[in-house]
Amino acid sequence: MGGSNGAAQDPTAYIVPARRVRLRPPANDNRAPLGWRVRRLVVYLLILALIAGIVFI
């Protein structure tokens, strides 16, 4: 069974790159375009509004 080069290992087990684990993007000097920042802000505000609506109503 098995095979060469570790073929007997579980195929679903793989190493997740560190970039996917972190919540922040990799540090660089480039800022996101204004449209992306505005959309992200709107999404965050929408999520907060939904949570506030559930909690306070």
C-alpha atoms as a PDB file:
ATOM      1  CA  MET A   1       0.000   0.000   0.000  1.00  0.00           C
ATOM      2  CA  GLY A   2       1.576   3.353   0.775  1.00  0.00           C
ATOM      3  CA  GLY A   3       3.750   4.323  -2.137  1.00  0.00           C
ATOM      4  CA  SER A   4       6.675   6.631  -2.426  1.00  0.00           C
ATOM      5  CA  ASN A   5       7.035  10.158  -1.156  1.00  0.00           C
ATOM      6  CA  GLY A   6       4.519   9.819   1.651  1.00  0.00           C
ATOM      7  CA  ALA A   7       1.556   8.846  -0.512  1.00  0.00           C
ATOM      8  CA  ALA A   8       0.102   6.938   2.458  1.00  0.00           C
ATOM      9  CA  GLN A   9      -0.486  10.189   4.346  1.00  0.00           C
ATOM     10  CA  ASP A  10      -3.933  11.651   4.765  1.00  0.00           C
ATOM     11  CA  PRO A  11      -4.565  13.804   1.674  1.00  0.00           C
ATOM     12  CA  THR A  12      -6.680  16.276   3.665  1.00  0.00           C
ATOM     13  CA  ALA A  13      -3.804  17.124   6.005  1.00  0.00           C
ATOM     14  CA  TYR A  14      -1.866  20.013   4.564  1.00  0.00           C
ATOM     15  CA  ILE A  15       0.091  22.968   5.859  1.00  0.00           C
ATOM     16  CA  VAL A  16      -1.851  26.220   5.942  1.00  0.00           C
ATOM     17  CA  PRO A  17       0.276  29.180   4.874  1.00  0.00           C
ATOM     18  CA  ALA A  18       0.868  31.689   7.651  1.00  0.00           C
ATOM     19  CA  ARG A  19      -0.775  34.403   5.556  1.00  0.00           C
ATOM     20  CA  ARG A  20      -4.155  32.633   5.829  1.00  0.00           C
ATOM     21  CA  VAL A  21      -3.862  32.247   9.597  1.00  0.00           C
ATOM     22  CA  ARG A  22      -3.213  35.916  10.306  1.00  0.00           C
ATOM     23  CA  LEU A  23      -6.133  38.321  10.251  1.00  0.00           C
ATOM     24  CA  ARG A  24      -4.049  41.151   8.868  1.00  0.00           C
ATOM     25  CA  PRO A  25      -2.574  41.202   5.376  1.00  0.00           C
ATOM     26  CA  PRO A  26       1.212  41.091   5.052  1.00  0.00           C
ATOM     27  CA  ALA A  27       2.864  44.372   6.000  1.00  0.00           C
ATOM     28  CA  ASN A  28       3.850  46.576   3.075  1.00  0.00           C
ATOM     29  CA  ASP A  29       3.887  50.242   2.183  1.00  0.00           C
ATOM     30  CA  ASN A  30       1.083  49.999  -0.363  1.00  0.00           C
ATOM     31  CA  ARG A  31      -2.312  51.169   0.820  1.00  0.00           C
ATOM     32  CA  ALA A  32      -5.463  49.562  -0.476  1.00  0.00           C
ATOM     33  CA  PRO A  33      -7.330  51.566  -3.112  1.00  0.00           C
ATOM     34  CA  LEU A  34      -9.876  54.014  -1.739  1.00  0.00           C
ATOM     35  CA  GLY A  35     -12.807  52.042  -3.147  1.00  0.00           C
ATOM     36  CA  TRP A  36     -11.691  48.891  -1.308  1.00  0.00           C
ATOM     37  CA  ARG A  37     -11.257  50.789   1.937  1.00  0.00           C
ATOM     38  CA  VAL A  38     -14.706  52.359   1.639  1.00  0.00           C
ATOM     39  CA  ARG A  39     -16.328  48.984   0.874  1.00  0.00           C
ATOM     40  CA  ARG A  40     -14.538  47.359   3.803  1.00  0.00           C
ATOM     41  CA  LEU A  41     -15.682  50.165   6.119  1.00  0.00           C
ATOM     42  CA  VAL A  42     -19.285  49.764   4.914  1.00  0.00           C
ATOM     43  CA  VAL A  43     -19.134  46.005   5.526  1.00  0.00           C
ATOM     44  CA  TYR A  44     -17.755  46.501   9.036  1.00  0.00           C
ATOM     45  CA  LEU A  45     -20.445  49.081   9.839  1.00  0.00           C
ATOM     46  CA  LEU A  46     -23.143  46.772   8.473  1.00  0.00           C
ATOM     47  CA  ILE A  47     -21.922  43.890  10.635  1.00  0.00           C
ATOM     48  CA  LEU A  48     -21.820  46.136  13.709  1.00  0.00           C
ATOM     49  CA  ALA A  49     -25.335  47.406  12.955  1.00  0.00           C
ATOM     50  CA  LEU A  50     -26.643  43.856  12.620  1.00  0.00           C
ATOM     51  CA  ILE A  51     -25.049  42.839  15.913  1.00  0.00           C
ATOM     52  CA  ALA A  52     -26.362  45.967  17.637  1.00  0.00           C
ATOM     53  CA  GLY A  53     -29.835  45.255  16.269  1.00  0.00           C
ATOM     54  CA  ILE A  54     -29.770  41.767  17.689  1.00  0.00           C
ATOM     55  CA  VAL A  55     -28.368  42.792  21.060  1.00  0.00           C
ATOM     56  CA  PHE A  56     -30.365  45.973  21.765  1.00  0.00           C
ATOM     57  CA  ILE A  57     -33.743  45.036  20.293  1.00  0.00           C
END
